[in-house]
Amino acid sequence: MKLGKVLVMLCAPLLGINVALRPLQLLWLNLLTDRAHGARLGVEPAEAGRYEPSPRRPGSPVLDKPVRLQDRLGGWLIGVLALGIGAVLLRP
């Protein structure tokens, strides 16, 4: 999800936006994107017998391919939406 914020900061000058994100806006994006994952995990109901076997194979990566893909797609989505909304709202 950090990819979205990086895209906004790097691509905004190409769209003619001088200040892409003000500090408070960047903090708000951090709050929304970083805390959403923890909140989602915190309210998920427990499944009976879910972790009886090992949750993953020893030696396998923690962030497997589907998780990395979802993270990249979410980052691109946040970046494109933020840039699009900023370009529309900050148009002279």
PDB file of N, CA and C in Angstrom:
ATOM      1  N   MET A   1       0.811  -1.196   0.000  1.00  0.00           N
ATOM      2  CA  MET A   1       0.000   0.000   0.000  1.00  0.00           C
ATOM      3  C   MET A   1       0.857   1.263   0.000  1.00  0.00           C
ATOM      4  N   LYS A   2       2.089   1.100   0.366  1.00  0.00           N
ATOM      5  CA  LYS A   2       2.981   2.256   0.326  1.00  0.00           C
ATOM      6  C   LYS A   2       3.191   2.714  -1.110  1.00  0.00           C
ATOM      7  N   LEU A   3       3.006   1.807  -2.043  1.00  0.00           N
ATOM      8  CA  LEU A   3       3.192   2.130  -3.449  1.00  0.00           C
ATOM      9  C   LEU A   3       2.274   3.263  -3.887  1.00  0.00           C
ATOM     10  N   GLY A   4       1.056   3.291  -3.393  1.00  0.00           N
ATOM     11  CA  GLY A   4       0.106   4.343  -3.753  1.00  0.00           C
ATOM     12  C   GLY A   4       0.593   5.714  -3.347  1.00  0.00           C
ATOM     13  N   LYS A   5       1.133   5.816  -2.147  1.00  0.00           N
ATOM     14  CA  LYS A   5       1.626   7.112  -1.676  1.00  0.00           C
ATOM     15  C   LYS A   5       2.872   7.536  -2.447  1.00  0.00           C
ATOM     16  N   VAL A   6       3.711   6.583  -2.784  1.00  0.00           N
ATOM     17  CA  VAL A   6       4.903   6.897  -3.568  1.00  0.00           C
ATOM     18  C   VAL A   6       4.498   7.363  -4.964  1.00  0.00           C
ATOM     19  N   LEU A   7       3.515   6.687  -5.563  1.00  0.00           N
ATOM     20  CA  LEU A   7       3.036   7.109  -6.889  1.00  0.00           C
ATOM     21  C   LEU A   7       2.492   8.524  -6.875  1.00  0.00           C
ATOM     22  N   VAL A   8       1.735   8.841  -5.848  1.00  0.00           N
ATOM     23  CA  VAL A   8       1.165  10.185  -5.751  1.00  0.00           C
ATOM     24  C   VAL A   8       2.274  11.222  -5.670  1.00  0.00           C
ATOM     25  N   MET A   9       3.252  10.980  -4.832  1.00  0.00           N
ATOM     26  CA  MET A   9       4.314  11.969  -4.634  1.00  0.00           C
ATOM     27  C   MET A   9       5.216  12.100  -5.868  1.00  0.00           C
ATOM     28  N   LEU A  10       5.418  11.011  -6.605  1.00  0.00           N
ATOM     29  CA  LEU A  10       6.295  11.067  -7.784  1.00  0.00           C
ATOM     30  C   LEU A  10       5.575  11.549  -9.038  1.00  0.00           C
ATOM     31  N   CYS A  11       4.312  11.204  -9.192  1.00  0.00           N
ATOM     32  CA  CYS A  11       3.594  11.522 -10.432  1.00  0.00           C
ATOM     33  C   CYS A  11       2.841  12.844 -10.385  1.00  0.00           C
ATOM     34  N   ALA A  12       2.591  13.375  -9.207  1.00  0.00           N
ATOM     35  CA  ALA A  12       1.845  14.632  -9.106  1.00  0.00           C
ATOM     36  C   ALA A  12       2.511  15.781  -9.849  1.00  0.00           C
ATOM     37  N   PRO A  13       3.825  15.956  -9.749  1.00  0.00           N
ATOM     38  CA  PRO A  13       4.437  17.053 -10.514  1.00  0.00           C
ATOM     39  C   PRO A  13       4.257  16.897 -12.025  1.00  0.00           C
ATOM     40  N   LEU A  14       4.151  15.658 -12.510  1.00  0.00           N
ATOM     41  CA  LEU A  14       3.936  15.447 -13.940  1.00  0.00           C
ATOM     42  C   LEU A  14       2.548  15.895 -14.377  1.00  0.00           C
ATOM     43  N   LEU A  15       1.605  15.925 -13.429  1.00  0.00           N
ATOM     44  CA  LEU A  15       0.249  16.384 -13.712  1.00  0.00           C
ATOM     45  C   LEU A  15       0.061  17.867 -13.408  1.00  0.00           C
ATOM     46  N   GLY A  16       1.137  18.526 -12.991  1.00  0.00           N
ATOM     47  CA  GLY A  16       1.054  19.953 -12.697  1.00  0.00           C
ATOM     48  C   GLY A  16       0.568  20.271 -11.294  1.00  0.00           C
ATOM     49  N   ILE A  17       0.569  19.283 -10.409  1.00  0.00           N
ATOM     50  CA  ILE A  17       0.155  19.502  -9.028  1.00  0.00           C
ATOM     51  C   ILE A  17       1.409  19.799  -8.211  1.00  0.00           C
ATOM     52  N   ASN A  18       1.506  21.018  -7.684  1.00  0.00           N
ATOM     53  CA  ASN A  18       2.717  21.406  -6.950  1.00  0.00           C
ATOM     54  C   ASN A  18       2.858  20.662  -5.634  1.00  0.00           C
ATOM     55  N   VAL A  19       1.837  20.712  -4.813  1.00  0.00           N
ATOM     56  CA  VAL A  19       1.866  20.025  -3.523  1.00  0.00           C
ATOM     57  C   VAL A  19       0.862  18.887  -3.607  1.00  0.00           C
ATOM     58  N   ALA A  20       1.365  17.675  -3.793  1.00  0.00           N
ATOM     59  CA  ALA A  20       0.477  16.528  -3.984  1.00  0.00           C
ATOM     60  C   ALA A  20      -0.279  16.208  -2.706  1.00  0.00           C
ATOM     61  N   LEU A  21       0.427  16.060  -1.633  1.00  0.00           N
ATOM     62  CA  LEU A  21      -0.194  15.742  -0.358  1.00  0.00           C
ATOM     63  C   LEU A  21       0.385  16.641   0.725  1.00  0.00           C
ATOM     64  N   ARG A  22      -0.482  17.282   1.432  1.00  0.00           N
ATOM     65  CA  ARG A  22      -0.039  18.058   2.572  1.00  0.00           C
ATOM     66  C   ARG A  22       0.250  17.079   3.701  1.00  0.00           C
ATOM     67  N   PRO A  23       1.021  17.498   4.708  1.00  0.00           N
ATOM     68  CA  PRO A  23       1.376  16.560   5.775  1.00  0.00           C
ATOM     69  C   PRO A  23       0.174  15.894   6.436  1.00  0.00           C
ATOM     70  N   LEU A  24      -0.890  16.641   6.674  1.00  0.00           N
ATOM     71  CA  LEU A  24      -2.063  16.048   7.308  1.00  0.00           C
ATOM     72  C   LEU A  24      -2.735  15.027   6.392  1.00  0.00           C
ATOM     73  N   GLN A  25      -2.727  15.270   5.094  1.00  0.00           N
ATOM     74  CA  GLN A  25      -3.305  14.322   4.151  1.00  0.00           C
ATOM     75  C   GLN A  25      -2.486  13.029   4.103  1.00  0.00           C
ATOM     76  N   LEU A  26      -1.178  13.166   4.168  1.00  0.00           N
ATOM     77  CA  LEU A  26      -0.310  11.991   4.168  1.00  0.00           C
ATOM     78  C   LEU A  26      -0.518  11.172   5.434  1.00  0.00           C
ATOM     79  N   LEU A  27      -0.665  11.842   6.568  1.00  0.00           N
ATOM     80  CA  LEU A  27      -0.951  11.122   7.806  1.00  0.00           C
ATOM     81  C   LEU A  27      -2.301  10.419   7.731  1.00  0.00           C
ATOM     82  N   TRP A  28      -3.287  11.052   7.119  1.00  0.00           N
ATOM     83  CA  TRP A  28      -4.612  10.451   6.972  1.00  0.00           C
ATOM     84  C   TRP A  28      -4.537   9.202   6.091  1.00  0.00           C
ATOM     85  N   LEU A  29      -3.791   9.281   4.991  1.00  0.00           N
ATOM     86  CA  LEU A  29      -3.617   8.109   4.133  1.00  0.00           C
ATOM     87  C   LEU A  29      -2.915   6.981   4.882  1.00  0.00           C
ATOM     88  N   ASN A  30      -1.905   7.324   5.681  1.00  0.00           N
ATOM     89  CA  ASN A  30      -1.222   6.306   6.479  1.00  0.00           C
ATOM     90  C   ASN A  30      -2.191   5.650   7.450  1.00  0.00           C
ATOM     91  N   LEU A  31      -3.021   6.445   8.073  1.00  0.00           N
ATOM     92  CA  LEU A  31      -3.994   5.914   9.025  1.00  0.00           C
ATOM     93  C   LEU A  31      -4.968   4.972   8.327  1.00  0.00           C
ATOM     94  N   LEU A  32      -5.468   5.363   7.173  1.00  0.00           N
ATOM     95  CA  LEU A  32      -6.435   4.531   6.460  1.00  0.00           C
ATOM     96  C   LEU A  32      -5.824   3.246   5.921  1.00  0.00           C
ATOM     97  N   THR A  33      -4.666   3.347   5.317  1.00  0.00           N
ATOM     98  CA  THR A  33      -4.102   2.174   4.651  1.00  0.00           C
ATOM     99  C   THR A  33      -3.403   1.228   5.611  1.00  0.00           C
ATOM    100  N   ASP A  34      -2.725   1.742   6.617  1.00  0.00           N
ATOM    101  CA  ASP A  34      -1.975   0.867   7.515  1.00  0.00           C
ATOM    102  C   ASP A  34      -2.846   0.279   8.611  1.00  0.00           C
ATOM    103  N   ARG A  35      -3.791   1.023   9.100  1.00  0.00           N
ATOM    104  CA  ARG A  35      -4.628   0.541  10.203  1.00  0.00           C
ATOM    105  C   ARG A  35      -5.761  -0.352   9.720  1.00  0.00           C
ATOM    106  N   ALA A  36      -6.122  -0.252   8.453  1.00  0.00           N
ATOM    107  CA  ALA A  36      -7.220  -1.062   7.938  1.00  0.00           C
ATOM    108  C   ALA A  36      -6.901  -2.554   8.023  1.00  0.00           C
ATOM    109  N   HIS A  37      -5.650  -2.915   7.755  1.00  0.00           N
ATOM    110  CA  HIS A  37      -5.269  -4.328   7.809  1.00  0.00           C
ATOM    111  C   HIS A  37      -5.387  -4.867   9.233  1.00  0.00           C
ATOM    112  N   GLY A  38      -4.898  -4.114  10.195  1.00  0.00           N
ATOM    113  CA  GLY A  38      -4.961  -4.556  11.582  1.00  0.00           C
ATOM    114  C   GLY A  38      -6.389  -4.636  12.098  1.00  0.00           C
ATOM    115  N   ALA A  39      -7.208  -3.684  11.724  1.00  0.00           N
ATOM    116  CA  ALA A  39      -8.601  -3.689  12.175  1.00  0.00           C
ATOM    117  C   ALA A  39      -9.353  -4.867  11.576  1.00  0.00           C
ATOM    118  N   ARG A  40      -9.059  -5.164  10.332  1.00  0.00           N
ATOM    119  CA  ARG A  40      -9.724  -6.291   9.677  1.00  0.00           C
ATOM    120  C   ARG A  40      -9.347  -7.603  10.363  1.00  0.00           C
ATOM    121  N   LEU A  41      -8.095  -7.748  10.736  1.00  0.00           N
ATOM    122  CA  LEU A  41      -7.669  -8.964  11.417  1.00  0.00           C
ATOM    123  C   LEU A  41      -8.215  -9.030  12.835  1.00  0.00           C
ATOM    124  N   GLY A  42      -8.384  -7.885  13.477  1.00  0.00           N
ATOM    125  CA  GLY A  42      -8.845  -7.860  14.853  1.00  0.00           C
ATOM    126  C   GLY A  42     -10.294  -8.260  15.024  1.00  0.00           C
ATOM    127  N   VAL A  43     -11.117  -8.072  14.023  1.00  0.00           N
ATOM    128  CA  VAL A  43     -12.535  -8.385  14.144  1.00  0.00           C
ATOM    129  C   VAL A  43     -12.914  -9.684  13.430  1.00  0.00           C
ATOM    130  N   GLU A  44     -11.949 -10.335  12.846  1.00  0.00           N
ATOM    131  CA  GLU A  44     -12.230 -11.590  12.151  1.00  0.00           C
ATOM    132  C   GLU A  44     -12.554 -12.679  13.165  1.00  0.00           C
ATOM    133  N   PRO A  45     -13.667 -13.396  12.983  1.00  0.00           N
ATOM    134  CA  PRO A  45     -14.013 -14.446  13.943  1.00  0.00           C
ATOM    135  C   PRO A  45     -13.041 -15.621  13.871  1.00  0.00           C
ATOM    136  N   ALA A  46     -12.832 -16.252  15.002  1.00  0.00           N
ATOM    137  CA  ALA A  46     -11.939 -17.411  15.055  1.00  0.00           C
ATOM    138  C   ALA A  46     -12.612 -18.609  14.396  1.00  0.00           C
ATOM    139  N   GLU A  47     -11.813 -19.394  13.727  1.00  0.00           N
ATOM    140  CA  GLU A  47     -12.331 -20.602  13.088  1.00  0.00           C
ATOM    141  C   GLU A  47     -11.876 -21.810  13.895  1.00  0.00           C
ATOM    142  N   ALA A  48     -12.796 -22.699  14.160  1.00  0.00           N
ATOM    143  CA  ALA A  48     -12.459 -23.897  14.929  1.00  0.00           C
ATOM    144  C   ALA A  48     -11.492 -24.769  14.132  1.00  0.00           C
ATOM    145  N   GLY A  49     -10.405 -25.155  14.760  1.00  0.00           N
ATOM    146  CA  GLY A  49      -9.432 -26.039  14.128  1.00  0.00           C
ATOM    147  C   GLY A  49      -8.618 -25.398  13.042  1.00  0.00           C
ATOM    148  N   ARG A  50      -8.647 -24.100  12.953  1.00  0.00           N
ATOM    149  CA  ARG A  50      -7.959 -23.399  11.866  1.00  0.00           C
ATOM    150  C   ARG A  50      -6.446 -23.593  11.933  1.00  0.00           C
ATOM    151  N   TYR A  51      -5.871 -23.515  13.118  1.00  0.00           N
ATOM    152  CA  TYR A  51      -4.419 -23.581  13.229  1.00  0.00           C
ATOM    153  C   TYR A  51      -3.952 -24.869  13.891  1.00  0.00           C
ATOM    154  N   GLU A  52      -4.704 -25.932  13.715  1.00  0.00           N
ATOM    155  CA  GLU A  52      -4.247 -27.218  14.232  1.00  0.00           C
ATOM    156  C   GLU A  52      -2.972 -27.650  13.517  1.00  0.00           C
ATOM    157  N   PRO A  53      -2.974 -27.726  12.203  1.00  0.00           N
ATOM    158  CA  PRO A  53      -1.701 -27.973  11.534  1.00  0.00           C
ATOM    159  C   PRO A  53      -0.910 -26.665  11.463  1.00  0.00           C
ATOM    160  N   SER A  54       0.313 -26.761  11.053  1.00  0.00           N
ATOM    161  CA  SER A  54       1.139 -25.561  10.904  1.00  0.00           C
ATOM    162  C   SER A  54       0.482 -24.617   9.901  1.00  0.00           C
ATOM    163  N   PRO A  55       0.385 -23.302  10.206  1.00  0.00           N
ATOM    164  CA  PRO A  55      -0.286 -22.375   9.294  1.00  0.00           C
ATOM    165  C   PRO A  55       0.410 -22.229   7.944  1.00  0.00           C
ATOM    166  N   ARG A  56       1.697 -22.482   7.902  1.00  0.00           N
ATOM    167  CA  ARG A  56       2.415 -22.429   6.629  1.00  0.00           C
ATOM    168  C   ARG A  56       3.617 -23.353   6.704  1.00  0.00           C
ATOM    169  N   ARG A  57       4.143 -23.705   5.574  1.00  0.00           N
ATOM    170  CA  ARG A  57       5.306 -24.593   5.536  1.00  0.00           C
ATOM    171  C   ARG A  57       6.530 -23.869   6.089  1.00  0.00           C
ATOM    172  N   PRO A  58       7.336 -24.544   6.875  1.00  0.00           N
ATOM    173  CA  PRO A  58       8.585 -23.916   7.328  1.00  0.00           C
ATOM    174  C   PRO A  58       9.463 -23.588   6.123  1.00  0.00           C
ATOM    175  N   GLY A  59      10.019 -22.397   6.135  1.00  0.00           N
ATOM    176  CA  GLY A  59      10.875 -21.969   5.033  1.00  0.00           C
ATOM    177  C   GLY A  59      10.140 -21.280   3.908  1.00  0.00           C
ATOM    178  N   SER A  60       8.808 -21.320   3.919  1.00  0.00           N
ATOM    179  CA  SER A  60       8.072 -20.625   2.866  1.00  0.00           C
ATOM    180  C   SER A  60       8.002 -19.135   3.204  1.00  0.00           C
ATOM    181  N   PRO A  61       7.900 -18.277   2.206  1.00  0.00           N
ATOM    182  CA  PRO A  61       7.887 -16.838   2.478  1.00  0.00           C
ATOM    183  C   PRO A  61       6.614 -16.415   3.208  1.00  0.00           C
ATOM    184  N   VAL A  62       6.754 -15.412   4.060  1.00  0.00           N
ATOM    185  CA  VAL A  62       5.594 -14.899   4.788  1.00  0.00           C
ATOM    186  C   VAL A  62       4.643 -14.207   3.827  1.00  0.00           C
ATOM    187  N   LEU A  63       5.193 -13.411   2.936  1.00  0.00           N
ATOM    188  CA  LEU A  63       4.377 -12.741   1.920  1.00  0.00           C
ATOM    189  C   LEU A  63       4.490 -13.527   0.620  1.00  0.00           C
ATOM    190  N   ASP A  64       3.540 -14.409   0.391  1.00  0.00           N
ATOM    191  CA  ASP A  64       3.582 -15.211  -0.816  1.00  0.00           C
ATOM    192  C   ASP A  64       3.078 -14.404  -2.008  1.00  0.00           C
ATOM    193  N   LYS A  65       3.041 -15.022  -3.152  1.00  0.00           N
ATOM    194  CA  LYS A  65       2.726 -14.318  -4.395  1.00  0.00           C
ATOM    195  C   LYS A  65       1.350 -13.644  -4.383  1.00  0.00           C
ATOM    196  N   PRO A  66       0.276 -14.310  -3.945  1.00  0.00           N
ATOM    197  CA  PRO A  66      -1.023 -13.624  -3.935  1.00  0.00           C
ATOM    198  C   PRO A  66      -1.057 -12.404  -3.017  1.00  0.00           C
ATOM    199  N   VAL A  67      -0.387 -12.474  -1.886  1.00  0.00           N
ATOM    200  CA  VAL A  67      -0.373 -11.338  -0.960  1.00  0.00           C
ATOM    201  C   VAL A  67       0.388 -10.172  -1.576  1.00  0.00           C
ATOM    202  N   ARG A  68       1.520 -10.460  -2.200  1.00  0.00           N
ATOM    203  CA  ARG A  68       2.297  -9.388  -2.839  1.00  0.00           C
ATOM    204  C   ARG A  68       1.514  -8.764  -3.996  1.00  0.00           C
ATOM    205  N   LEU A  69       0.811  -9.596  -4.760  1.00  0.00           N
ATOM    206  CA  LEU A  69       0.003  -9.087  -5.875  1.00  0.00           C
ATOM    207  C   LEU A  69      -1.117  -8.190  -5.360  1.00  0.00           C
ATOM    208  N   GLN A  70      -1.794  -8.628  -4.308  1.00  0.00           N
ATOM    209  CA  GLN A  70      -2.868  -7.821  -3.732  1.00  0.00           C
ATOM    210  C   GLN A  70      -2.322  -6.494  -3.206  1.00  0.00           C
ATOM    211  N   ASP A  71      -1.160  -6.512  -2.599  1.00  0.00           N
ATOM    212  CA  ASP A  71      -0.561  -5.293  -2.078  1.00  0.00           C
ATOM    213  C   ASP A  71      -0.213  -4.333  -3.212  1.00  0.00           C
ATOM    214  N   ARG A  72       0.335  -4.853  -4.290  1.00  0.00           N
ATOM    215  CA  ARG A  72       0.686  -3.997  -5.431  1.00  0.00           C
ATOM    216  C   ARG A  72      -0.560  -3.428  -6.105  1.00  0.00           C
ATOM    217  N   LEU A  73      -1.565  -4.264  -6.294  1.00  0.00           N
ATOM    218  CA  LEU A  73      -2.794  -3.779  -6.925  1.00  0.00           C
ATOM    219  C   LEU A  73      -3.478  -2.721  -6.063  1.00  0.00           C
ATOM    220  N   GLY A  74      -3.494  -2.942  -4.752  1.00  0.00           N
ATOM    221  CA  GLY A  74      -4.062  -1.944  -3.847  1.00  0.00           C
ATOM    222  C   GLY A  74      -3.293  -0.645  -3.890  1.00  0.00           C
ATOM    223  N   GLY A  75      -1.969  -0.732  -3.955  1.00  0.00           N
ATOM    224  CA  GLY A  75      -1.141   0.468  -4.042  1.00  0.00           C
ATOM    225  C   GLY A  75      -1.394   1.249  -5.317  1.00  0.00           C
ATOM    226  N   TRP A  76      -1.468   0.535  -6.442  1.00  0.00           N
ATOM    227  CA  TRP A  76      -1.762   1.211  -7.708  1.00  0.00           C
ATOM    228  C   TRP A  76      -3.136   1.851  -7.676  1.00  0.00           C
ATOM    229  N   LEU A  77      -4.103   1.145  -7.104  1.00  0.00           N
ATOM    230  CA  LEU A  77      -5.466   1.679  -7.035  1.00  0.00           C
ATOM    231  C   LEU A  77      -5.506   2.956  -6.201  1.00  0.00           C
ATOM    232  N   ILE A  78      -4.867   2.940  -5.039  1.00  0.00           N
ATOM    233  CA  ILE A  78      -4.835   4.125  -4.185  1.00  0.00           C
ATOM    234  C   ILE A  78      -4.111   5.269  -4.893  1.00  0.00           C
ATOM    235  N   GLY A  79      -2.992   4.972  -5.526  1.00  0.00           N
ATOM    236  CA  GLY A  79      -2.236   6.005  -6.221  1.00  0.00           C
ATOM    237  C   GLY A  79      -3.002   6.636  -7.360  1.00  0.00           C
ATOM    238  N   VAL A  80      -3.620   5.819  -8.188  1.00  0.00           N
ATOM    239  CA  VAL A  80      -4.364   6.336  -9.344  1.00  0.00           C
ATOM    240  C   VAL A  80      -5.587   7.129  -8.886  1.00  0.00           C
ATOM    241  N   LEU A  81      -6.311   6.603  -7.896  1.00  0.00           N
ATOM    242  CA  LEU A  81      -7.480   7.324  -7.403  1.00  0.00           C
ATOM    243  C   LEU A  81      -7.095   8.661  -6.766  1.00  0.00           C
ATOM    244  N   ALA A  82      -6.051   8.658  -5.956  1.00  0.00           N
ATOM    245  CA  ALA A  82      -5.625   9.899  -5.307  1.00  0.00           C
ATOM    246  C   ALA A  82      -5.161  10.920  -6.341  1.00  0.00           C
ATOM    247  N   LEU A  83      -4.400  10.469  -7.337  1.00  0.00           N
ATOM    248  CA  LEU A  83      -3.950  11.392  -8.384  1.00  0.00           C
ATOM    249  C   LEU A  83      -5.122  11.903  -9.214  1.00  0.00           C
ATOM    250  N   GLY A  84      -6.047  11.025  -9.545  1.00  0.00           N
ATOM    251  CA  GLY A  84      -7.209  11.445 -10.332  1.00  0.00           C
ATOM    252  C   GLY A  84      -8.075  12.450  -9.596  1.00  0.00           C
ATOM    253  N   ILE A  85      -8.354  12.176  -8.340  1.00  0.00           N
ATOM    254  CA  ILE A  85      -9.168  13.103  -7.547  1.00  0.00           C
ATOM    255  C   ILE A  85      -8.422  14.421  -7.365  1.00  0.00           C
ATOM    256  N   GLY A  86      -7.126  14.344  -7.091  1.00  0.00           N
ATOM    257  CA  GLY A  86      -6.340  15.572  -6.933  1.00  0.00           C
ATOM    258  C   GLY A  86      -6.284  16.386  -8.211  1.00  0.00           C
ATOM    259  N   ALA A  87      -6.139  15.720  -9.350  1.00  0.00           N
ATOM    260  CA  ALA A  87      -6.082  16.445 -10.622  1.00  0.00           C
ATOM    261  C   ALA A  87      -7.409  17.131 -10.920  1.00  0.00           C
ATOM    262  N   VAL A  88      -8.519  16.485 -10.587  1.00  0.00           N
ATOM    263  CA  VAL A  88      -9.827  17.074 -10.851  1.00  0.00           C
ATOM    264  C   VAL A  88     -10.095  18.235  -9.898  1.00  0.00           C
ATOM    265  N   LEU A  89      -9.812  18.039  -8.626  1.00  0.00           N
ATOM    266  CA  LEU A  89     -10.126  19.073  -7.630  1.00  0.00           C
ATOM    267  C   LEU A  89      -9.152  20.259  -7.654  1.00  0.00           C
ATOM    268  N   LEU A  90      -7.923  20.026  -8.077  1.00  0.00           N
ATOM    269  CA  LEU A  90      -6.929  21.106  -8.071  1.00  0.00           C
ATOM    270  C   LEU A  90      -6.736  21.729  -9.444  1.00  0.00           C
ATOM    271  N   ARG A  91      -7.619  21.403 -10.374  1.00  0.00           N
ATOM    272  CA  ARG A  91      -7.533  21.980 -11.719  1.00  0.00           C
ATOM    273  C   ARG A  91      -7.864  23.465 -11.652  1.00  0.00           C
ATOM    274  N   PRO A  92      -7.064  24.304 -12.304  1.00  0.00           N
ATOM    275  CA  PRO A  92      -7.341  25.757 -12.234  1.00  0.00           C
ATOM    276  C   PRO A  92      -8.573  26.160 -12.998  1.00  0.00           C
TER     277      PRO A  92
END
